[in-house]
Amino acid sequence: MFRGSERLRNLLMLTPFVSYLRFTLSQIEVWTLISHIFSSILKENPNIDRIIALNKKGFLYNPWILIKFLVRHMGIGFDLSFDCSR
C-alpha cells in the first residue's frame, strides 16, 4: 500500500476521534501534529485548536522530539497525548 494513502486513512480516522474528544471533554484544547502535506485537510475542522504542520525533514520521524522541545523551550505542557497512527 502506498504510504501516503495509509496516512490519509489515519487522518480520516482522526476526525471522528477528535470530534468525540471535543464532545466528551468540551474544555480541552486539541492540537494536532501532522505532515504539512495533509495539514490543509484539517484547517477548517472546528474541533482542532492548533495544527502543527511539519515538513518530512522536520520532527515528523520522531514526534516525541518535538513534544520535548515544546515542553522544554516554549513552556507548553500537555496533560495527555494520543498517537493516532497505526
C-alpha atoms as a PDB file:
ATOM      1  CA  MET A   1       0.000   0.000   0.000  1.00  0.00           C
ATOM      2  CA  PHE A   2       1.179   3.498  -0.790  1.00  0.00           C
ATOM      3  CA  ARG A   3       2.413   5.201   2.411  1.00  0.00           C
ATOM      4  CA  GLY A   4       0.507   8.406   1.613  1.00  0.00           C
ATOM      5  CA  SER A   5      -2.810   6.588   1.393  1.00  0.00           C
ATOM      6  CA  GLU A   6      -2.130   4.946   4.759  1.00  0.00           C
ATOM      7  CA  ARG A   7      -1.562   8.363   6.293  1.00  0.00           C
ATOM      8  CA  LEU A   8      -4.721   9.673   4.668  1.00  0.00           C
ATOM      9  CA  ARG A   9      -6.664   6.753   6.152  1.00  0.00           C
ATOM     10  CA  ASN A  10      -5.220   7.599   9.595  1.00  0.00           C
ATOM     11  CA  LEU A  11      -6.292  11.205   9.071  1.00  0.00           C
ATOM     12  CA  LEU A  12      -9.840  10.152   8.200  1.00  0.00           C
ATOM     13  CA  MET A  13      -9.994   8.062  11.366  1.00  0.00           C
ATOM     14  CA  LEU A  14      -8.664  11.002  13.378  1.00  0.00           C
ATOM     15  CA  THR A  15     -11.662  13.176  12.510  1.00  0.00           C
ATOM     16  CA  PRO A  16     -14.330  11.231  14.470  1.00  0.00           C
ATOM     17  CA  PHE A  17     -11.844  10.642  17.292  1.00  0.00           C
ATOM     18  CA  VAL A  18     -11.203  14.376  17.730  1.00  0.00           C
ATOM     19  CA  SER A  19     -14.915  15.082  17.467  1.00  0.00           C
ATOM     20  CA  TYR A  20     -15.578  12.556  20.237  1.00  0.00           C
ATOM     21  CA  LEU A  21     -12.875  14.117  22.416  1.00  0.00           C
ATOM     22  CA  ARG A  22     -14.399  17.560  21.950  1.00  0.00           C
ATOM     23  CA  PHE A  23     -17.897  16.226  22.707  1.00  0.00           C
ATOM     24  CA  THR A  24     -16.922  14.382  25.888  1.00  0.00           C
ATOM     25  CA  LEU A  25     -14.276  16.795  27.175  1.00  0.00           C
ATOM     26  CA  SER A  26     -15.502  20.161  25.936  1.00  0.00           C
ATOM     27  CA  GLN A  27     -12.957  22.189  27.932  1.00  0.00           C
ATOM     28  CA  ILE A  28      -9.867  20.634  26.342  1.00  0.00           C
ATOM     29  CA  GLU A  29      -7.550  22.259  23.843  1.00  0.00           C
ATOM     30  CA  VAL A  30      -6.807  19.963  20.899  1.00  0.00           C
ATOM     31  CA  TRP A  31      -3.555  20.219  18.959  1.00  0.00           C
ATOM     32  CA  THR A  32      -2.526  18.025  16.064  1.00  0.00           C
ATOM     33  CA  LEU A  33       0.933  17.191  14.824  1.00  0.00           C
ATOM     34  CA  ILE A  34       0.707  16.306  11.158  1.00  0.00           C
ATOM     35  CA  SER A  35       2.634  16.287   7.926  1.00  0.00           C
ATOM     36  CA  HIS A  36       2.410  19.575   6.043  1.00  0.00           C
ATOM     37  CA  ILE A  37       1.066  17.590   3.077  1.00  0.00           C
ATOM     38  CA  PHE A  38      -2.197  16.857   4.908  1.00  0.00           C
ATOM     39  CA  SER A  39      -2.459  19.918   7.146  1.00  0.00           C
ATOM     40  CA  SER A  40      -4.846  21.787   4.844  1.00  0.00           C
ATOM     41  CA  ILE A  41      -7.406  18.997   5.273  1.00  0.00           C
ATOM     42  CA  LEU A  42      -7.687  19.741   8.999  1.00  0.00           C
ATOM     43  CA  LYS A  43      -7.530  23.516   8.678  1.00  0.00           C
ATOM     44  CA  GLU A  44     -11.308  24.002   8.783  1.00  0.00           C
ATOM     45  CA  ASN A  45     -12.011  21.383  11.462  1.00  0.00           C
ATOM     46  CA  PRO A  46     -13.756  23.210  14.338  1.00  0.00           C
ATOM     47  CA  ASN A  47     -12.654  20.542  16.827  1.00  0.00           C
ATOM     48  CA  ILE A  48      -8.959  21.296  16.398  1.00  0.00           C
ATOM     49  CA  ASP A  49      -7.499  24.343  18.111  1.00  0.00           C
ATOM     50  CA  ARG A  50      -3.969  24.259  16.732  1.00  0.00           C
ATOM     51  CA  ILE A  51      -2.258  22.421  13.892  1.00  0.00           C
ATOM     52  CA  ILE A  52       1.473  21.857  13.931  1.00  0.00           C
ATOM     53  CA  ALA A  53       2.362  21.056  10.334  1.00  0.00           C
ATOM     54  CA  LEU A  54       5.810  19.656   9.811  1.00  0.00           C
ATOM     55  CA  ASN A  55       7.934  19.054   6.791  1.00  0.00           C
ATOM     56  CA  LYS A  56       9.197  15.488   6.380  1.00  0.00           C
ATOM     57  CA  LYS A  57      12.682  16.670   7.185  1.00  0.00           C
ATOM     58  CA  GLY A  58      11.414  18.061  10.492  1.00  0.00           C
ATOM     59  CA  PHE A  59      10.468  16.213  13.627  1.00  0.00           C
ATOM     60  CA  LEU A  60       7.903  14.013  11.916  1.00  0.00           C
ATOM     61  CA  TYR A  61      10.099  10.915  12.059  1.00  0.00           C
ATOM     62  CA  ASN A  62      10.147  11.171  15.844  1.00  0.00           C
ATOM     63  CA  PRO A  63       7.268  13.312  17.154  1.00  0.00           C
ATOM     64  CA  TRP A  64       8.418  12.863  20.753  1.00  0.00           C
ATOM     65  CA  ILE A  65      11.429  15.049  19.974  1.00  0.00           C
ATOM     66  CA  LEU A  66       9.066  17.882  19.044  1.00  0.00           C
ATOM     67  CA  ILE A  67       6.911  17.383  22.126  1.00  0.00           C
ATOM     68  CA  LYS A  68      10.007  17.500  24.351  1.00  0.00           C
ATOM     69  CA  PHE A  69      11.112  20.660  22.554  1.00  0.00           C
ATOM     70  CA  LEU A  70       7.732  22.343  23.096  1.00  0.00           C
ATOM     71  CA  VAL A  71       7.711  21.427  26.781  1.00  0.00           C
ATOM     72  CA  ARG A  72      11.325  22.458  27.476  1.00  0.00           C
ATOM     73  CA  HIS A  73      11.797  25.552  25.363  1.00  0.00           C
ATOM     74  CA  MET A  74       8.346  27.011  24.959  1.00  0.00           C
ATOM     75  CA  GLY A  75       6.844  26.162  28.331  1.00  0.00           C
ATOM     76  CA  ILE A  76       3.964  24.309  26.718  1.00  0.00           C
ATOM     77  CA  GLY A  77       2.694  21.398  28.760  1.00  0.00           C
ATOM     78  CA  PHE A  78       0.441  18.601  27.664  1.00  0.00           C
ATOM     79  CA  ASP A  79      -1.741  16.594  30.005  1.00  0.00           C
ATOM     80  CA  LEU A  80      -2.372  13.829  27.525  1.00  0.00           C
ATOM     81  CA  SER A  81      -1.313  12.841  24.043  1.00  0.00           C
ATOM     82  CA  PHE A  82      -2.502  10.237  21.564  1.00  0.00           C
ATOM     83  CA  ASP A  83      -0.663   8.609  18.709  1.00  0.00           C
ATOM     84  CA  CYS A  84      -3.367   8.022  16.120  1.00  0.00           C
ATOM     85  CA  SER A  85      -1.128   6.394  13.580  1.00  0.00           C
ATOM     86  CA  ARG A  86      -1.156   2.689  13.097  1.00  0.00           C
END
